[in-house]
């Protein structure tokens, strides 16, 4: 079978096949056989190849071919699920512009590693495109352990600082205050205020409640 990116393929002799004869693995093994199965995602795109190598020349049985093809399809499904989960997490990063140069980022629920990556990507893209002076990050809705929350928040704050946006943190609970105070957060140019009115006042804005 030929390697075309859509079907399983077999290289019966690594040393004589044009695709593999100059590869480092061929030089290391000296001889061998390769079975490759494409990993296709839902869009039809070839995401990669699942490979099996044997250091001896051999044939693969129909059962081995079916098993490997099934593994390739399973990996494609897992990748599809991960892609959809990432899209959902990225979409769940609301940014609310509040006047010129100020934007609010309300955080709720828990922040997994994947969601933290999505938040960072979203806020950095927004800050690069819109160049806000301040980003008010409301953490009152988080249900995260304070140590984990502080580490992720500190990373976002540092990255925002690199692109010229000052972070203003509001909604810090009493049980989080000591952790924040003991962390590197206090050594950064970040403003921490108990409420939205005080945060806005600290950056020169005022809410008119009338």
Foldseek 3Di string as FASTA:
>chain_A
DDDDQAAKDKDQWQCPDPVRNPDPVCVVLVTWMKIWEFQAAPVRDGPDIDMDIDSYGDDDDPVRRVVRNVVSPVVNVVVNVVVVVLVVLLVPFDWADDPAQEIETEDAEEADPSSLVSNLVVVLVCCLVRVRQEYEYEDLRYPDDLVVVLVSVVVSQVSSVVSNHEYEYENDDPVNVVVCVPDCVVVDRHHYDHDDQVSQVVVPHHDDPD
